[in-house]
Amino acid sequence: MIQLYGEYDGTVDSKGRMKMPAALLKQLAGTGPYKFFVNRGFEQCLMLYPEKVWEEKIEEVNKLNIYKTQEREFVRYFYRGVRDVLTDSVDRLLLPKSMLDHAGIKKDVIIFAYMNNIELWDRDRYLSTLSKEPSDYSRLADQVWGGEADSDKP
C-alpha cells in the first residue's frame, strides 16, 4: 500500500507540462519514468494515480454492477477522459488539455497528496477551498474519529 503525503506548488507550462515534485516521486520509490493515470476528481480538480494505485482503483470500480443505473453512471464518469501519462527525462508530465480545462488549471497548480491519492488543483481554487474549511476542526475530528453523532452538541 502506497502512503503519499504533502502539498506542493507547481506550474503548468503553455504546452501542458508539469514537473512532478522530487519529494513526491521519492515517496513512490524506484526510478523513472513514472507512469500515472489522470482523470476527473470528485470536486473540480484532477486525480493523478500512480500506476500501482490505478490498478487497485480499477479493481474496485470494475466490481460495480453496470446493470444498476447509479453504478453504471459512476463507472462512466470514472473512466471518462482517463489517460495514462508518463514522466519524461526531467520528471515532467504532459497533462491533457481537456483535463486541465475541466479543473480550470491554467498555470499555477497545487499538488496535494494524501493516502494513495494525488489531486491537482488550480491554485486559486485550492486556496478558496481552504477558506471554506470548518472553523471548528476539533468538532469535525470528534464527529469523524470520536463517534460524536450530533453536530449540535455544546
Protein backbone atom coordinates (compact mmCIF):
# COMPACT_ATOMS: atom_id res chain seq x y z
CA MET A 1 0.00 0.00 0.00
CA ILE A 2 1.38 3.35 -1.04
CA GLN A 3 1.06 6.16 1.51
CA LEU A 4 1.52 9.60 -0.02
CA TYR A 5 1.58 12.97 1.68
CA GLY A 6 2.38 16.60 1.07
CA GLU A 7 1.25 19.79 -0.53
CA TYR A 8 3.40 21.15 -3.34
CA ASP A 9 3.35 24.23 -5.57
CA GLY A 10 3.76 23.66 -9.27
CA THR A 11 3.22 25.24 -12.63
CA VAL A 12 1.85 24.05 -15.93
CA ASP A 13 3.58 25.48 -18.99
CA SER A 14 1.89 26.55 -22.23
CA LYS A 15 2.25 23.01 -23.61
CA GLY A 16 0.51 21.43 -20.60
CA ARG A 17 3.66 20.06 -18.96
CA MET A 18 4.01 19.97 -15.19
CA LYS A 19 7.13 18.99 -13.27
CA MET A 20 6.45 16.45 -10.56
CA PRO A 21 7.96 17.36 -7.17
CA ALA A 22 11.05 15.29 -6.41
CA ALA A 23 9.89 14.78 -2.81
CA LEU A 24 6.64 13.25 -4.05
CA LEU A 25 8.34 10.99 -6.59
CA LYS A 26 10.69 9.82 -3.85
CA GLN A 27 7.66 8.52 -1.94
CA LEU A 28 6.88 6.26 -4.90
CA ALA A 29 10.35 4.69 -4.73
CA GLY A 30 12.03 3.28 -7.80
CA THR A 31 13.38 5.29 -10.66
CA GLY A 32 11.64 6.98 -13.55
CA PRO A 33 10.00 7.15 -15.83
CA TYR A 34 6.90 7.07 -13.63
CA LYS A 35 3.52 6.14 -15.08
CA PHE A 36 0.36 7.81 -13.80
CA PHE A 37 -3.29 7.82 -14.79
CA VAL A 38 -5.17 11.10 -14.74
CA ASN A 39 -8.93 11.55 -14.53
CA ARG A 40 -11.51 13.98 -13.20
CA GLY A 41 -11.69 14.37 -9.43
CA PHE A 42 -14.83 14.48 -7.32
CA GLU A 43 -14.60 18.23 -7.00
CA GLN A 44 -13.27 20.45 -9.76
CA CYS A 45 -9.75 19.05 -9.61
CA LEU A 46 -7.83 16.26 -11.30
CA MET A 47 -6.88 12.93 -9.77
CA LEU A 48 -3.44 11.60 -10.57
CA TYR A 49 -2.97 7.93 -9.71
CA PRO A 50 0.40 6.17 -9.67
CA GLU A 51 0.18 3.07 -11.86
CA LYS A 52 0.03 0.62 -8.93
CA VAL A 53 -2.73 2.64 -7.24
CA TRP A 54 -4.66 2.86 -10.52
CA GLU A 55 -4.65 -0.92 -10.78
CA GLU A 56 -6.18 -1.13 -7.29
CA LYS A 57 -8.79 1.53 -8.09
CA ILE A 58 -9.95 -0.13 -11.30
CA GLU A 59 -10.33 -3.43 -9.46
CA GLU A 60 -12.80 -1.68 -7.15
CA VAL A 61 -14.61 0.11 -9.96
CA ASN A 62 -14.83 -3.00 -12.12
CA LYS A 63 -16.74 -4.76 -9.31
CA LEU A 64 -19.64 -2.35 -9.74
CA ASN A 65 -22.80 -3.63 -11.38
CA ILE A 66 -23.33 -1.84 -14.71
CA TYR A 67 -26.93 -3.08 -14.72
CA LYS A 68 -27.69 -0.65 -11.88
CA THR A 69 -28.14 2.88 -13.20
CA GLN A 70 -26.27 4.66 -10.40
CA GLU A 71 -23.29 2.32 -10.55
CA ARG A 72 -23.17 2.42 -14.36
CA GLU A 73 -23.20 6.23 -14.28
CA PHE A 74 -20.36 6.22 -11.77
CA VAL A 75 -18.30 3.81 -13.91
CA ARG A 76 -18.82 6.01 -16.97
CA TYR A 77 -17.81 9.14 -15.13
CA PHE A 78 -14.79 7.48 -13.54
CA TYR A 79 -13.40 6.29 -16.86
CA ARG A 80 -14.45 9.30 -18.94
CA GLY A 81 -11.39 11.07 -20.30
CA VAL A 82 -8.87 8.97 -18.36
CA ARG A 83 -5.37 8.99 -19.83
CA ASP A 84 -2.09 7.43 -18.91
CA VAL A 85 0.80 9.88 -18.66
CA LEU A 86 4.49 9.17 -18.28
CA THR A 87 7.18 11.37 -16.79
CA ASP A 88 9.85 12.50 -19.21
CA SER A 89 13.61 12.68 -18.57
CA VAL A 90 13.17 15.72 -16.28
CA ASP A 91 10.13 14.34 -14.40
CA ARG A 92 7.50 16.36 -16.26
CA LEU A 93 4.03 15.08 -17.11
CA LEU A 94 2.15 16.18 -20.21
CA LEU A 95 -1.41 16.72 -18.99
CA PRO A 96 -4.29 16.57 -21.49
CA LYS A 97 -5.76 19.98 -22.33
CA SER A 98 -9.30 18.69 -21.79
CA MET A 99 -8.37 17.67 -18.24
CA LEU A 100 -6.68 20.99 -17.50
CA ASP A 101 -9.75 22.81 -18.81
CA HIS A 102 -12.05 20.68 -16.62
CA ALA A 103 -10.10 21.67 -13.49
CA GLY A 104 -9.64 25.29 -14.59
CA ILE A 105 -5.87 24.88 -14.39
CA LYS A 106 -4.08 27.50 -16.44
CA LYS A 107 -0.65 27.89 -14.85
CA ASP A 108 -0.30 27.74 -11.06
CA VAL A 109 -1.20 24.40 -9.55
CA ILE A 110 -1.28 22.83 -6.10
CA ILE A 111 -0.32 19.17 -5.98
CA PHE A 112 -1.97 17.69 -2.91
CA ALA A 113 -1.04 14.12 -1.93
CA TYR A 114 -2.84 12.15 0.77
CA MET A 115 -3.39 8.45 1.43
CA ASN A 116 -2.73 6.97 -2.03
CA ASN A 117 -4.25 9.90 -3.93
CA ILE A 118 -2.79 12.90 -5.70
CA GLU A 119 -5.06 15.82 -6.50
CA LEU A 120 -4.13 18.58 -8.94
CA TRP A 121 -5.86 21.88 -8.24
CA ASP A 122 -5.85 25.30 -9.80
CA ARG A 123 -4.00 27.27 -7.13
CA ASP A 124 -6.71 29.92 -6.61
CA ARG A 125 -9.49 27.31 -6.46
CA TYR A 126 -7.49 25.29 -3.91
CA LEU A 127 -6.93 28.34 -1.71
CA SER A 128 -10.65 29.08 -1.95
CA THR A 129 -11.46 25.58 -0.65
CA LEU A 130 -9.11 26.17 2.27
CA SER A 131 -11.08 29.27 3.21
CA LYS A 132 -14.21 27.09 3.43
CA GLU A 133 -12.70 24.64 5.91
CA PRO A 134 -14.71 24.21 9.09
CA SER A 135 -13.99 26.82 11.71
CA ASP A 136 -14.21 24.16 14.38
CA TYR A 137 -11.79 21.50 13.12
CA SER A 138 -11.73 19.82 16.54
CA ARG A 139 -15.52 19.32 16.45
CA LEU A 140 -15.19 17.75 12.99
CA ALA A 141 -12.50 15.43 14.36
CA ASP A 142 -14.87 14.45 17.18
CA GLN A 143 -17.57 13.62 14.65
CA VAL A 144 -15.33 11.66 12.32
CA TRP A 145 -12.98 9.96 14.77
CA GLY A 146 -14.66 10.25 18.12
CA GLY A 147 -18.07 8.92 17.15
CA GLU A 148 -19.92 12.11 18.07
CA ALA A 149 -23.28 11.65 16.34
CA ASP A 150 -24.85 15.07 16.82
CA SER A 151 -23.01 18.11 15.47
CA ASP A 152 -25.26 20.40 17.57
CA LYS A 153 -23.87 19.19 20.90
CA PRO A 154 -22.40 22.00 23.02
